[in-house]
Amino acid sequence: MGEVNCEGRTSREVNAEIKRQVREGENPILVRNPGARHNLGVAILKPVTIRIEGSVGYYCAGLIDGATVEVAGSAGWGLAESMMSGLVKVHGSAGNGAAAAIRGGTVVIHGDVAARVGISMKGGNVIVTGNCGYMAGFMAQKGTLIVCGDAGEAFGDSMYETVCYVGGKVSGLGTDAVIEKLSPDDVGALDALLAQHLDSGERRKLPAAGKFKKVVAGRKLWNFDKREWKTWQEAL
């Protein structure tokens, strides 16, 4: 097992040491005393497990492809931004723009998340066990976004093929977002995904899968139609 101590080191130095240990085959790698540094664990392109013992700052685990990054604390803005594949888990809250523009993999936040979670996501899965802020899923194109608690305003605004599930209240749907009836396949897929990434204790605190709301695009913005000009004005 590898180990990196962040004390007295810059983020650049910490990341260089993590990557050196990855090259040398260390797995897993324990990162101690992160001190909420920004940009930790970015651009890791191999299937290694990195556990960070404490809270992190902005853009942790961004641009990864295949790594597993676990944060034993909270995370700042831009968690896992542009992730290609892998798994990112945060055992606390997360700031704005978590899982922005991810293309694959899974991001699990065991707590609340601020605004714009899953913005422009192009694939993968995002699971938030608590509540989320406004504009979650904005312009999301593919993938699955699950908010087990309450969702803020403008939820799902201007989405494409992303499918969202909300276990609590939705403060307000975004432009062209609609609530669709859950199918048996939806319930089964949602239940399986939650069972894969959450332990039984967490799942017992959540609504049953069949009680979640499903939010998808109403498709009015998919192709321009002058009869829907008012909807386009709202989106722009």
Protein backbone atom coordinates (compact mmCIF):
# COMPACT_ATOMS: atom_id res chain seq x y z
CA MET A 1 0.00 0.00 0.00
CA GLY A 2 1.28 3.45 -0.89
CA GLU A 3 1.01 6.53 1.29
CA VAL A 4 1.32 10.26 0.66
CA ASN A 5 1.49 12.88 3.41
CA CYS A 6 0.33 16.32 2.22
CA GLU A 7 1.84 18.30 5.09
CA GLY A 8 4.30 20.89 3.86
CA ARG A 9 3.61 20.12 0.19
CA THR A 10 1.79 21.99 -2.55
CA SER A 11 -1.01 20.36 -4.52
CA ARG A 12 1.37 20.00 -7.47
CA GLU A 13 3.89 18.17 -5.30
CA VAL A 14 1.23 15.91 -3.81
CA ASN A 15 -0.14 14.98 -7.23
CA ALA A 16 3.36 14.29 -8.56
CA GLU A 17 3.98 11.91 -5.66
CA ILE A 18 0.62 10.16 -6.18
CA LYS A 19 1.40 9.63 -9.86
CA ARG A 20 4.89 8.37 -9.08
CA GLN A 21 3.43 5.76 -6.75
CA VAL A 22 0.80 4.81 -9.34
CA ARG A 23 3.57 4.25 -11.91
CA GLU A 24 5.43 2.07 -9.43
CA GLY A 25 2.36 -0.11 -8.91
CA GLU A 26 1.30 0.98 -5.43
CA ASN A 27 -2.38 0.17 -4.86
CA PRO A 28 -4.25 1.35 -2.86
CA ILE A 29 -2.72 4.74 -2.03
CA LEU A 30 -3.61 6.53 1.20
CA VAL A 31 -3.43 10.35 1.13
CA ARG A 32 -3.12 11.86 4.60
CA ASN A 33 -3.62 15.42 5.88
CA PRO A 34 -5.13 16.87 2.68
CA GLY A 35 -5.97 20.13 4.44
CA ALA A 36 -8.72 20.92 1.89
CA ARG A 37 -6.11 21.41 -0.86
CA HIS A 38 -7.45 22.04 -4.34
CA ASN A 39 -6.95 19.80 -7.40
CA LEU A 40 -5.97 16.64 -5.55
CA GLY A 41 -5.98 13.36 -7.44
CA VAL A 42 -6.54 14.88 -10.88
CA ALA A 43 -5.82 13.18 -14.22
CA ILE A 44 -5.26 9.71 -12.77
CA LEU A 45 -5.56 7.44 -15.81
CA LYS A 46 -5.08 3.97 -14.30
CA PRO A 47 -7.40 1.71 -12.26
CA VAL A 48 -5.89 2.52 -8.86
CA THR A 49 -7.71 3.15 -5.57
CA ILE A 50 -6.91 6.41 -3.78
CA ARG A 51 -8.33 7.13 -0.34
CA ILE A 52 -8.05 10.72 0.92
CA GLU A 53 -8.26 10.96 4.72
CA GLY A 54 -10.01 14.30 5.15
CA SER A 55 -11.76 17.07 3.24
CA VAL A 56 -10.60 18.37 -0.14
CA GLY A 57 -10.93 21.67 -2.00
CA TYR A 58 -11.91 22.45 -5.58
CA TYR A 59 -11.73 20.02 -8.52
CA CYS A 60 -10.73 16.86 -6.67
CA ALA A 61 -10.54 13.77 -8.92
CA GLY A 62 -11.12 15.75 -12.10
CA LEU A 63 -10.22 14.25 -15.47
CA ILE A 64 -9.74 10.73 -14.10
CA ASP A 65 -10.14 7.62 -16.26
CA GLY A 66 -10.59 4.35 -14.38
CA ALA A 67 -9.47 5.31 -10.88
CA THR A 68 -11.45 4.97 -7.65
CA VAL A 69 -11.13 8.04 -5.41
CA GLU A 70 -12.70 8.04 -1.96
CA VAL A 71 -12.84 11.19 0.17
CA ALA A 72 -13.31 10.69 3.91
CA GLY A 73 -14.67 14.20 4.32
CA SER A 74 -16.32 16.89 2.20
CA ALA A 75 -15.37 18.32 -1.19
CA GLY A 76 -15.36 21.79 -2.74
CA TRP A 77 -16.48 22.85 -6.21
CA GLY A 78 -16.05 20.79 -9.36
CA LEU A 79 -15.71 17.33 -7.84
CA ALA A 80 -14.87 14.71 -10.53
CA GLU A 81 -15.30 17.23 -13.34
CA SER A 82 -14.93 15.66 -16.81
CA MET A 83 -14.36 12.16 -15.41
CA MET A 84 -14.21 9.55 -18.18
CA SER A 85 -14.66 6.43 -16.07
CA GLY A 86 -14.09 5.26 -12.52
CA LEU A 87 -15.72 5.79 -9.14
CA VAL A 88 -15.65 8.84 -6.87
CA LYS A 89 -17.14 8.66 -3.38
CA VAL A 90 -17.45 11.53 -0.90
CA HIS A 91 -18.46 10.80 2.69
CA GLY A 92 -19.69 14.33 3.32
CA SER A 93 -21.09 17.27 1.38
CA ALA A 94 -19.92 18.67 -1.96
CA GLY A 95 -19.87 22.15 -3.48
CA ASN A 96 -21.11 23.56 -6.78
CA GLY A 97 -20.73 21.73 -10.06
CA ALA A 98 -20.11 18.24 -8.73
CA ALA A 99 -19.84 15.68 -11.55
CA ALA A 100 -19.93 18.43 -14.19
CA ALA A 101 -19.47 17.12 -17.74
CA ILE A 102 -18.67 13.55 -16.70
CA ARG A 103 -18.73 11.05 -19.56
CA GLY A 104 -18.88 7.81 -17.57
CA GLY A 105 -18.28 6.21 -14.22
CA THR A 106 -20.16 6.90 -10.99
CA VAL A 107 -20.05 9.74 -8.47
CA VAL A 108 -21.59 9.07 -5.04
CA ILE A 109 -22.03 11.87 -2.52
CA HIS A 110 -23.08 10.60 0.91
CA GLY A 111 -24.61 13.91 1.96
CA ASP A 112 -25.86 17.16 0.41
CA VAL A 113 -24.55 18.89 -2.69
CA ALA A 114 -24.76 22.51 -3.77
CA ALA A 115 -25.89 23.95 -7.10
CA ARG A 116 -25.50 22.51 -10.60
CA VAL A 117 -24.69 18.91 -9.76
CA GLY A 118 -24.48 16.90 -12.99
CA ILE A 119 -24.43 19.98 -15.21
CA SER A 120 -23.76 18.97 -18.83
CA MET A 121 -23.10 15.36 -17.88
CA LYS A 122 -22.71 13.15 -20.94
CA GLY A 123 -23.00 9.73 -19.34
CA GLY A 124 -22.38 7.85 -16.11
CA ASN A 125 -24.26 7.93 -12.82
CA VAL A 126 -24.52 10.51 -10.05
CA ILE A 127 -26.03 9.58 -6.68
CA VAL A 128 -26.69 12.16 -3.94
CA THR A 129 -28.04 10.66 -0.72
CA GLY A 130 -29.12 14.07 0.61
CA ASN A 131 -30.45 17.26 -0.99
CA CYS A 132 -29.19 19.24 -3.98
CA GLY A 133 -29.21 22.93 -4.87
CA TYR A 134 -30.57 24.73 -7.90
CA MET A 135 -30.10 23.85 -11.58
CA ALA A 136 -29.11 20.24 -11.01
CA GLY A 137 -28.78 18.45 -14.34
CA PHE A 138 -28.71 21.67 -16.37
CA MET A 139 -28.16 20.80 -20.05
CA ALA A 140 -27.33 17.21 -19.09
CA GLN A 141 -27.16 15.02 -22.18
CA LYS A 142 -27.03 11.38 -21.05
CA GLY A 143 -26.60 9.30 -17.91
CA THR A 144 -28.56 9.04 -14.66
CA LEU A 145 -28.85 11.59 -11.85
CA ILE A 146 -30.35 10.41 -8.55
CA VAL A 147 -31.16 12.81 -5.71
CA CYS A 148 -32.47 10.87 -2.74
CA GLY A 149 -33.56 13.97 -0.82
CA ASP A 150 -35.03 17.28 -2.01
CA ALA A 151 -34.08 19.10 -5.22
CA GLY A 152 -33.72 22.86 -5.66
CA GLU A 153 -35.16 25.20 -8.27
CA ALA A 154 -34.77 24.76 -12.04
CA PHE A 155 -34.20 21.03 -11.73
CA GLY A 156 -33.38 19.38 -15.06
CA ASP A 157 -33.38 22.65 -16.98
CA SER A 158 -32.80 22.19 -20.75
CA MET A 159 -31.89 18.52 -20.46
CA TYR A 160 -31.57 16.03 -23.31
CA GLU A 161 -31.53 12.27 -22.64
CA THR A 162 -30.43 12.25 -19.00
CA VAL A 163 -32.89 10.54 -16.65
CA CYS A 164 -33.28 11.98 -13.14
CA TYR A 165 -34.87 10.53 -10.01
CA VAL A 166 -35.80 12.50 -6.89
CA GLY A 167 -36.81 10.88 -3.62
CA GLY A 168 -38.06 14.07 -1.94
CA LYS A 169 -39.60 17.35 -3.06
CA VAL A 170 -38.71 19.23 -6.23
CA SER A 171 -38.74 22.97 -5.56
CA GLY A 172 -39.24 23.71 -9.24
CA LEU A 173 -38.70 22.08 -12.61
CA GLY A 174 -36.46 23.78 -15.13
CA THR A 175 -37.36 24.69 -18.70
CA ASP A 176 -38.66 21.68 -20.64
CA ALA A 177 -38.33 19.30 -17.67
CA VAL A 178 -41.34 17.11 -16.92
CA ILE A 179 -42.27 14.43 -14.40
CA GLU A 180 -42.90 11.06 -16.01
CA LYS A 181 -44.55 8.02 -14.46
CA LEU A 182 -42.13 5.37 -13.22
CA SER A 183 -42.21 2.07 -15.09
CA PRO A 184 -41.43 -1.29 -13.45
CA ASP A 185 -38.11 -1.25 -15.33
CA ASP A 186 -37.33 2.19 -13.86
CA VAL A 187 -38.01 0.96 -10.34
CA GLY A 188 -35.84 -2.12 -10.85
CA ALA A 189 -32.94 -0.18 -12.34
CA LEU A 190 -33.09 2.50 -9.63
CA ASP A 191 -33.25 -0.08 -6.85
CA ALA A 192 -30.29 -2.00 -8.31
CA LEU A 193 -28.14 1.12 -8.67
CA LEU A 194 -28.81 2.24 -5.10
CA ALA A 195 -28.12 -1.28 -3.79
CA GLN A 196 -24.81 -1.35 -5.66
CA HIS A 197 -23.48 1.88 -4.19
CA LEU A 198 -25.22 2.40 -0.82
CA ASP A 199 -25.13 0.13 2.21
CA SER A 200 -28.28 -1.32 3.74
CA GLY A 201 -28.31 1.22 6.55
CA GLU A 202 -28.34 4.14 4.12
CA ARG A 203 -31.01 2.54 1.95
CA ARG A 204 -33.34 2.03 4.91
CA LYS A 205 -33.39 5.81 5.43
CA LEU A 206 -34.49 6.47 1.84
CA PRO A 207 -37.89 6.27 0.20
CA ALA A 208 -38.61 3.01 -1.59
CA ALA A 209 -37.53 3.08 -5.25
CA GLY A 210 -41.16 3.12 -6.36
CA LYS A 211 -41.74 6.38 -4.45
CA PHE A 212 -39.13 8.39 -6.37
CA LYS A 213 -40.15 10.94 -9.01
CA LYS A 214 -38.76 10.50 -12.51
CA VAL A 215 -37.80 13.71 -14.32
CA VAL A 216 -36.97 13.76 -18.03
CA ALA A 217 -36.88 16.23 -20.90
CA GLY A 218 -40.22 17.24 -22.40
CA ARG A 219 -38.37 17.40 -25.75
CA LYS A 220 -39.76 20.81 -26.72
CA LEU A 221 -36.20 22.16 -26.98
CA TRP A 222 -34.77 19.26 -28.96
CA ASN A 223 -35.74 20.83 -32.28
CA PHE A 224 -36.58 24.47 -32.88
CA ASP A 225 -40.26 25.17 -33.43
CA LYS A 226 -41.51 28.74 -33.68
CA ARG A 227 -44.72 27.63 -31.97
CA GLU A 228 -42.60 27.00 -28.84
CA TRP A 229 -40.86 30.38 -29.03
CA LYS A 230 -41.83 31.30 -25.47
CA THR A 231 -40.16 28.13 -24.16
CA TRP A 232 -37.00 28.96 -26.14
CA GLN A 233 -36.99 32.49 -24.75
CA GLU A 234 -37.10 31.09 -21.20
CA ALA A 235 -34.21 28.75 -21.92
CA LEU A 236 -32.09 31.51 -23.46
